[in-house]
């Protein structure tokens, strides 16, 4: 769970993010739902800062 997703050439799917979250999967899904539904926020997935940070 603590390893970073550093492969810039492989854009992770939502399912991969959920698996990566491990035991924090529930809170991640709830935060995603809140931002999407309640706050009407759009989603943008990017790899902005290189291999120090990842996805």
N, C-alpha and C. Protein backbone atom coordinates (compact mmCIF):
# COMPACT_ATOMS: atom_id res chain seq x y z
N UNK A 1 0.81 -1.20 0.00
CA UNK A 1 0.00 0.00 0.00
C UNK A 1 0.86 1.26 0.00
N UNK A 2 2.07 1.20 0.47
CA UNK A 2 2.87 2.41 0.59
C UNK A 2 3.77 2.67 -0.61
N UNK A 3 3.75 1.78 -1.59
CA UNK A 3 4.57 2.00 -2.77
C UNK A 3 3.87 2.99 -3.69
N UNK A 4 4.66 3.79 -4.34
CA UNK A 4 4.11 4.80 -5.24
C UNK A 4 3.82 4.20 -6.60
N UNK A 5 2.88 4.79 -7.29
CA UNK A 5 2.55 4.38 -8.65
C UNK A 5 3.39 5.27 -9.57
N UNK A 6 4.55 4.76 -9.98
CA UNK A 6 5.53 5.58 -10.67
C UNK A 6 5.65 5.33 -12.17
N UNK A 7 4.89 4.41 -12.72
CA UNK A 7 4.99 4.11 -14.14
C UNK A 7 4.17 5.13 -14.93
N UNK A 8 4.87 6.11 -15.49
CA UNK A 8 4.19 7.19 -16.22
C UNK A 8 3.48 6.67 -17.47
N UNK A 9 3.94 5.56 -18.01
CA UNK A 9 3.36 5.02 -19.24
C UNK A 9 2.12 4.18 -19.00
N UNK A 10 1.79 3.92 -17.75
CA UNK A 10 0.59 3.13 -17.41
C UNK A 10 -0.33 3.98 -16.54
N UNK A 11 -1.38 4.50 -17.16
CA UNK A 11 -2.36 5.29 -16.41
C UNK A 11 -3.25 4.33 -15.61
N UNK A 12 -3.22 4.42 -14.28
CA UNK A 12 -3.99 3.48 -13.45
C UNK A 12 -5.50 3.65 -13.63
N UNK A 13 -6.20 2.54 -13.57
CA UNK A 13 -7.66 2.58 -13.62
C UNK A 13 -8.18 2.88 -12.22
N UNK A 14 -9.45 3.17 -12.12
CA UNK A 14 -10.07 3.41 -10.82
C UNK A 14 -9.94 2.17 -9.94
N UNK A 15 -10.11 1.00 -10.52
CA UNK A 15 -9.99 -0.25 -9.77
C UNK A 15 -8.57 -0.43 -9.22
N UNK A 16 -7.56 -0.04 -10.00
CA UNK A 16 -6.18 -0.13 -9.52
C UNK A 16 -5.94 0.83 -8.36
N UNK A 17 -6.51 2.03 -8.45
CA UNK A 17 -6.40 2.97 -7.33
C UNK A 17 -7.05 2.39 -6.07
N UNK A 18 -8.21 1.79 -6.22
CA UNK A 18 -8.90 1.21 -5.06
C UNK A 18 -8.09 0.08 -4.44
N UNK A 19 -7.52 -0.78 -5.27
CA UNK A 19 -6.67 -1.86 -4.74
C UNK A 19 -5.45 -1.28 -4.04
N UNK A 20 -4.90 -0.22 -4.59
CA UNK A 20 -3.71 0.42 -4.03
C UNK A 20 -4.02 1.03 -2.65
N UNK A 21 -5.26 1.46 -2.45
CA UNK A 21 -5.65 2.08 -1.18
C UNK A 21 -5.73 1.07 -0.04
N UNK A 22 -5.91 -0.19 -0.36
CA UNK A 22 -5.98 -1.21 0.68
C UNK A 22 -7.11 -0.96 1.66
N UNK A 23 -6.80 -0.84 2.94
CA UNK A 23 -7.83 -0.66 3.97
C UNK A 23 -8.46 0.73 3.93
N UNK A 24 -7.87 1.65 3.20
CA UNK A 24 -8.43 3.00 3.07
C UNK A 24 -9.37 3.11 1.86
N UNK A 25 -9.72 1.97 1.29
CA UNK A 25 -10.57 1.97 0.10
C UNK A 25 -11.92 2.63 0.37
N UNK A 26 -12.54 2.31 1.49
CA UNK A 26 -13.85 2.89 1.82
C UNK A 26 -13.80 4.41 1.91
N UNK A 27 -12.89 4.97 2.70
CA UNK A 27 -12.80 6.44 2.77
C UNK A 27 -12.46 7.08 1.41
N UNK A 28 -11.62 6.41 0.61
CA UNK A 28 -11.29 6.93 -0.71
C UNK A 28 -12.54 7.00 -1.58
N UNK A 29 -13.34 5.93 -1.57
CA UNK A 29 -14.57 5.91 -2.36
C UNK A 29 -15.56 6.97 -1.88
N UNK A 30 -15.66 7.16 -0.58
CA UNK A 30 -16.57 8.17 -0.04
C UNK A 30 -16.11 9.57 -0.41
N UNK A 31 -14.82 9.83 -0.32
CA UNK A 31 -14.29 11.14 -0.73
C UNK A 31 -14.53 11.37 -2.22
N UNK A 32 -14.30 10.35 -3.04
CA UNK A 32 -14.54 10.46 -4.48
C UNK A 32 -16.01 10.76 -4.76
N UNK A 33 -16.90 10.06 -4.06
CA UNK A 33 -18.34 10.29 -4.25
C UNK A 33 -18.71 11.70 -3.83
N UNK A 34 -18.20 12.16 -2.69
CA UNK A 34 -18.50 13.50 -2.20
C UNK A 34 -18.04 14.57 -3.19
N UNK A 35 -16.82 14.44 -3.66
CA UNK A 35 -16.30 15.44 -4.60
C UNK A 35 -17.07 15.43 -5.91
N UNK A 36 -17.43 14.24 -6.38
CA UNK A 36 -18.14 14.13 -7.65
C UNK A 36 -19.59 14.58 -7.56
N UNK A 37 -20.29 14.09 -6.54
CA UNK A 37 -21.74 14.32 -6.44
C UNK A 37 -22.06 15.62 -5.70
N UNK A 38 -21.55 15.76 -4.50
CA UNK A 38 -21.89 16.92 -3.68
C UNK A 38 -21.24 18.21 -4.16
N UNK A 39 -19.98 18.13 -4.55
CA UNK A 39 -19.25 19.33 -4.96
C UNK A 39 -19.23 19.53 -6.47
N UNK A 40 -19.75 18.55 -7.22
CA UNK A 40 -19.81 18.61 -8.67
C UNK A 40 -18.43 18.89 -9.28
N UNK A 41 -17.42 18.28 -8.70
CA UNK A 41 -16.04 18.47 -9.18
C UNK A 41 -15.73 17.48 -10.29
N UNK A 42 -15.01 17.94 -11.28
CA UNK A 42 -14.57 17.06 -12.36
C UNK A 42 -13.33 16.28 -11.94
N UNK A 43 -13.05 15.22 -12.68
CA UNK A 43 -11.88 14.39 -12.37
C UNK A 43 -10.81 14.64 -13.42
N UNK A 44 -9.58 14.77 -12.94
CA UNK A 44 -8.43 14.92 -13.82
C UNK A 44 -7.29 14.12 -13.22
N UNK A 45 -6.85 13.10 -13.93
CA UNK A 45 -5.76 12.26 -13.46
C UNK A 45 -4.53 12.59 -14.30
N UNK A 46 -3.47 13.00 -13.63
CA UNK A 46 -2.26 13.33 -14.37
C UNK A 46 -1.02 12.96 -13.57
N UNK A 47 0.09 12.94 -14.25
CA UNK A 47 1.39 12.58 -13.69
C UNK A 47 2.25 13.84 -13.77
N UNK A 48 2.04 14.80 -12.86
CA UNK A 48 2.59 16.15 -13.05
C UNK A 48 4.04 16.38 -12.67
N UNK A 49 4.59 15.65 -11.73
CA UNK A 49 5.88 16.04 -11.17
C UNK A 49 7.00 15.03 -11.37
N UNK A 50 6.81 14.04 -12.20
CA UNK A 50 7.86 13.06 -12.44
C UNK A 50 7.89 11.94 -11.43
N UNK A 51 8.94 11.15 -11.46
CA UNK A 51 9.00 9.92 -10.67
C UNK A 51 9.18 10.13 -9.18
N UNK A 52 9.33 11.34 -8.71
CA UNK A 52 9.38 11.55 -7.26
C UNK A 52 8.01 11.37 -6.62
N UNK A 53 6.95 11.63 -7.37
CA UNK A 53 5.62 11.64 -6.79
C UNK A 53 4.68 10.61 -7.39
N UNK A 54 4.71 10.43 -8.68
CA UNK A 54 3.83 9.45 -9.34
C UNK A 54 2.42 9.97 -9.57
N UNK A 55 1.51 9.03 -9.76
CA UNK A 55 0.13 9.37 -10.07
C UNK A 55 -0.56 9.90 -8.84
